[in-house]
Amino acid sequence: MPLHFELVTPEKLVRSEDVYMVTVPGTEGDFGVLEGHAPLVSTLRDGELLVFATQSGQPATIRVEGGFAEVNERGLTVLAERAEA
């Protein structure tokens, strides 16, 4: 079952897709999110999101600056001040 992932900046919706896993640079450390993850809200530190489309594939890397991430029953939403692939 895929994880629904959205990356949003103040300017636009950067990505909205179903993926296998996303690794997020939280202020308390990096954390991975899979489908079914417990609800969570975390602030982001400047770093790289790793987006795994499949379990065995290479991740896409997206640099993010500031913002926060929320995991809920609908998936993972990352609201970043800036994001660039």
N, C-alpha and C. Protein backbone atom coordinates (compact mmCIF):
# COMPACT_ATOMS: atom_id res chain seq x y z
N MET A 1 0.85 -1.18 0.00
CA MET A 1 0.00 0.00 0.00
C MET A 1 0.90 1.24 0.00
N PRO A 2 0.69 2.18 -0.91
CA PRO A 2 1.57 3.34 -0.98
C PRO A 2 1.27 4.41 0.06
N LEU A 3 2.24 5.26 0.29
CA LEU A 3 2.13 6.43 1.16
C LEU A 3 1.81 7.63 0.29
N HIS A 4 0.78 8.40 0.63
CA HIS A 4 0.50 9.62 -0.13
C HIS A 4 1.40 10.73 0.43
N PHE A 5 2.17 11.38 -0.45
CA PHE A 5 3.14 12.39 -0.07
C PHE A 5 2.86 13.70 -0.81
N GLU A 6 2.85 14.80 -0.06
CA GLU A 6 2.71 16.12 -0.66
C GLU A 6 3.79 17.03 -0.11
N LEU A 7 4.42 17.79 -1.00
CA LEU A 7 5.40 18.80 -0.64
C LEU A 7 4.88 20.14 -1.12
N VAL A 8 4.73 21.08 -0.19
CA VAL A 8 4.13 22.37 -0.49
C VAL A 8 5.04 23.48 -0.01
N THR A 9 5.19 24.54 -0.83
CA THR A 9 5.88 25.75 -0.41
C THR A 9 4.85 26.88 -0.45
N PRO A 10 5.20 28.06 0.07
CA PRO A 10 4.24 29.18 -0.01
C PRO A 10 3.83 29.52 -1.44
N GLU A 11 4.70 29.22 -2.42
CA GLU A 11 4.41 29.56 -3.81
C GLU A 11 3.56 28.53 -4.53
N LYS A 12 3.76 27.22 -4.21
CA LYS A 12 3.08 26.21 -5.03
C LYS A 12 3.11 24.82 -4.38
N LEU A 13 2.32 23.94 -4.97
CA LEU A 13 2.38 22.52 -4.66
C LEU A 13 3.53 21.95 -5.48
N VAL A 14 4.59 21.49 -4.83
CA VAL A 14 5.78 21.02 -5.53
C VAL A 14 5.61 19.58 -6.01
N ARG A 15 5.09 18.71 -5.11
CA ARG A 15 4.85 17.31 -5.48
C ARG A 15 3.63 16.80 -4.76
N SER A 16 2.90 15.92 -5.44
CA SER A 16 1.78 15.21 -4.84
C SER A 16 1.75 13.85 -5.52
N GLU A 17 2.13 12.81 -4.78
CA GLU A 17 2.25 11.49 -5.40
C GLU A 17 2.19 10.40 -4.34
N ASP A 18 1.95 9.18 -4.82
CA ASP A 18 2.01 8.01 -3.95
C ASP A 18 3.40 7.41 -4.08
N VAL A 19 4.04 7.19 -2.93
CA VAL A 19 5.42 6.70 -2.89
C VAL A 19 5.53 5.56 -1.89
N TYR A 20 6.70 4.92 -1.86
CA TYR A 20 6.95 3.85 -0.90
C TYR A 20 7.33 4.43 0.47
N MET A 21 8.29 5.38 0.49
CA MET A 21 8.79 5.92 1.75
C MET A 21 9.41 7.29 1.52
N VAL A 22 9.39 8.13 2.56
CA VAL A 22 10.07 9.43 2.53
C VAL A 22 10.89 9.55 3.81
N THR A 23 12.15 9.97 3.68
CA THR A 23 12.98 10.28 4.84
C THR A 23 13.00 11.80 4.98
N VAL A 24 12.68 12.27 6.18
CA VAL A 24 12.48 13.69 6.45
C VAL A 24 13.56 14.20 7.40
N PRO A 25 14.17 15.39 7.12
CA PRO A 25 15.15 15.96 8.04
C PRO A 25 14.47 16.75 9.17
N GLY A 26 14.09 16.06 10.23
CA GLY A 26 13.45 16.73 11.37
C GLY A 26 14.48 17.41 12.26
N THR A 27 14.04 18.36 13.06
CA THR A 27 14.97 19.06 13.95
C THR A 27 15.53 18.13 15.04
N GLU A 28 14.80 17.07 15.35
CA GLU A 28 15.28 16.10 16.34
C GLU A 28 16.02 14.94 15.69
N GLY A 29 16.19 15.00 14.37
CA GLY A 29 16.87 13.93 13.64
C GLY A 29 16.04 13.49 12.45
N ASP A 30 16.68 12.79 11.52
CA ASP A 30 15.98 12.29 10.34
C ASP A 30 15.02 11.17 10.74
N PHE A 31 13.88 11.09 10.06
CA PHE A 31 12.95 10.00 10.31
C PHE A 31 12.31 9.55 9.00
N GLY A 32 12.05 8.26 8.91
CA GLY A 32 11.44 7.69 7.73
C GLY A 32 9.95 7.50 7.95
N VAL A 33 9.18 7.74 6.90
CA VAL A 33 7.72 7.60 6.97
C VAL A 33 7.27 6.60 5.92
N LEU A 34 6.58 5.55 6.38
CA LEU A 34 5.96 4.55 5.52
C LEU A 34 4.45 4.65 5.71
N GLU A 35 3.69 4.04 4.82
CA GLU A 35 2.23 3.95 4.98
C GLU A 35 1.92 3.36 6.35
N GLY A 36 0.96 3.93 7.06
CA GLY A 36 0.57 3.41 8.37
C GLY A 36 1.37 3.98 9.53
N HIS A 37 2.24 4.96 9.27
CA HIS A 37 3.04 5.59 10.33
C HIS A 37 2.11 6.23 11.35
N ALA A 38 2.53 6.25 12.60
CA ALA A 38 1.75 6.91 13.66
C ALA A 38 1.67 8.41 13.37
N PRO A 39 0.57 9.06 13.78
CA PRO A 39 0.45 10.50 13.59
C PRO A 39 1.62 11.24 14.26
N LEU A 40 2.09 12.30 13.58
CA LEU A 40 3.29 12.99 14.04
C LEU A 40 3.33 14.38 13.41
N VAL A 41 3.84 15.35 14.18
CA VAL A 41 4.15 16.67 13.63
C VAL A 41 5.57 16.98 14.06
N SER A 42 6.39 17.44 13.13
CA SER A 42 7.79 17.77 13.42
C SER A 42 8.19 19.01 12.66
N THR A 43 9.02 19.84 13.28
CA THR A 43 9.61 20.94 12.55
C THR A 43 10.77 20.39 11.73
N LEU A 44 11.09 21.10 10.63
CA LEU A 44 12.17 20.67 9.74
C LEU A 44 13.43 21.47 10.02
N ARG A 45 14.57 20.82 9.84
CA ARG A 45 15.82 21.54 9.75
C ARG A 45 16.18 21.59 8.27
N ASP A 46 17.06 22.51 7.90
CA ASP A 46 17.51 22.56 6.51
C ASP A 46 18.20 21.25 6.19
N GLY A 47 17.81 20.62 5.10
CA GLY A 47 18.39 19.33 4.74
C GLY A 47 17.74 18.77 3.50
N GLU A 48 17.82 17.45 3.37
CA GLU A 48 17.32 16.79 2.16
C GLU A 48 16.23 15.78 2.48
N LEU A 49 15.12 15.90 1.76
CA LEU A 49 14.09 14.86 1.76
C LEU A 49 14.56 13.79 0.79
N LEU A 50 14.42 12.54 1.18
CA LEU A 50 14.70 11.43 0.27
C LEU A 50 13.37 10.77 -0.03
N VAL A 51 12.99 10.76 -1.30
CA VAL A 51 11.69 10.23 -1.71
C VAL A 51 11.92 8.93 -2.48
N PHE A 52 11.48 7.83 -1.88
CA PHE A 52 11.63 6.51 -2.49
C PHE A 52 10.32 6.14 -3.17
N ALA A 53 10.31 6.11 -4.50
CA ALA A 53 9.11 5.75 -5.25
C ALA A 53 8.77 4.27 -5.06
N THR A 54 9.82 3.43 -4.97
CA THR A 54 9.64 1.99 -4.75
C THR A 54 10.59 1.53 -3.66
N GLN A 55 10.37 0.33 -3.16
CA GLN A 55 11.18 -0.19 -2.07
C GLN A 55 12.64 -0.36 -2.48
N SER A 56 12.90 -0.76 -3.71
CA SER A 56 14.26 -1.05 -4.14
C SER A 56 14.89 0.05 -5.01
N GLY A 57 14.14 1.10 -5.31
CA GLY A 57 14.64 2.14 -6.20
C GLY A 57 15.54 3.14 -5.52
N GLN A 58 16.23 3.93 -6.32
CA GLN A 58 17.06 5.03 -5.82
C GLN A 58 16.15 6.20 -5.45
N PRO A 59 16.47 6.90 -4.35
CA PRO A 59 15.60 8.00 -3.94
C PRO A 59 15.82 9.27 -4.76
N ALA A 60 14.76 10.04 -4.91
CA ALA A 60 14.88 11.40 -5.43
C ALA A 60 15.24 12.27 -4.24
N THR A 61 16.13 13.23 -4.44
CA THR A 61 16.57 14.10 -3.36
C THR A 61 16.01 15.50 -3.59
N ILE A 62 15.38 16.04 -2.55
CA ILE A 62 14.82 17.39 -2.63
C ILE A 62 15.34 18.18 -1.43
N ARG A 63 16.04 19.26 -1.69
CA ARG A 63 16.56 20.11 -0.61
C ARG A 63 15.41 20.97 -0.07
N VAL A 64 15.26 20.98 1.26
CA VAL A 64 14.22 21.80 1.90
C VAL A 64 14.85 22.71 2.94
N GLU A 65 14.20 23.85 3.14
CA GLU A 65 14.63 24.80 4.16
C GLU A 65 13.42 25.22 4.96
N GLY A 66 13.50 25.02 6.27
CA GLY A 66 12.45 25.47 7.18
C GLY A 66 11.12 24.79 6.95
N GLY A 67 10.22 24.98 7.90
CA GLY A 67 8.87 24.45 7.76
C GLY A 67 8.59 23.32 8.73
N PHE A 68 7.60 22.50 8.40
CA PHE A 68 7.27 21.36 9.23
C PHE A 68 6.67 20.23 8.41
N ALA A 69 6.61 19.06 9.04
CA ALA A 69 6.04 17.87 8.41
C ALA A 69 4.92 17.35 9.31
N GLU A 70 3.86 16.87 8.67
CA GLU A 70 2.75 16.27 9.41
C GLU A 70 2.41 14.92 8.79
N VAL A 71 2.34 13.91 9.66
CA VAL A 71 1.89 12.58 9.25
C VAL A 71 0.52 12.37 9.88
N ASN A 72 -0.46 11.99 9.05
CA ASN A 72 -1.79 11.66 9.57
C ASN A 72 -2.35 10.50 8.76
N GLU A 73 -3.63 10.20 8.94
CA GLU A 73 -4.21 9.04 8.26
C GLU A 73 -4.24 9.21 6.74
N ARG A 74 -4.11 10.44 6.24
CA ARG A 74 -4.10 10.69 4.79
C ARG A 74 -2.70 10.57 4.19
N GLY A 75 -1.64 10.56 5.01
CA GLY A 75 -0.29 10.44 4.50
C GLY A 75 0.64 11.46 5.12
N LEU A 76 1.66 11.86 4.35
CA LEU A 76 2.68 12.81 4.79
C LEU A 76 2.57 14.10 4.01
N THR A 77 2.48 15.22 4.74
CA THR A 77 2.51 16.53 4.11
C THR A 77 3.70 17.27 4.67
N VAL A 78 4.54 17.80 3.78
CA VAL A 78 5.68 18.62 4.18
C VAL A 78 5.41 20.03 3.69
N LEU A 79 5.37 20.97 4.63
CA LEU A 79 5.19 22.38 4.31
C LEU A 79 6.56 23.03 4.53
N ALA A 80 7.24 23.36 3.45
CA ALA A 80 8.59 23.90 3.53
C ALA A 80 8.62 25.36 3.09
N GLU A 81 9.48 26.15 3.74
CA GLU A 81 9.65 27.53 3.32
C GLU A 81 10.24 27.59 1.92
N ARG A 82 11.17 26.66 1.63
CA ARG A 82 11.77 26.54 0.29
C ARG A 82 12.03 25.09 -0.02
N ALA A 83 11.94 24.75 -1.29
CA ALA A 83 12.24 23.38 -1.74
C ALA A 83 12.80 23.44 -3.15
N GLU A 84 13.89 22.69 -3.39
CA GLU A 84 14.44 22.60 -4.74
C GLU A 84 14.99 21.20 -4.99
N ALA A 85 14.65 20.67 -6.15
CA ALA A 85 15.07 19.30 -6.49
C ALA A 85 16.54 19.27 -6.85
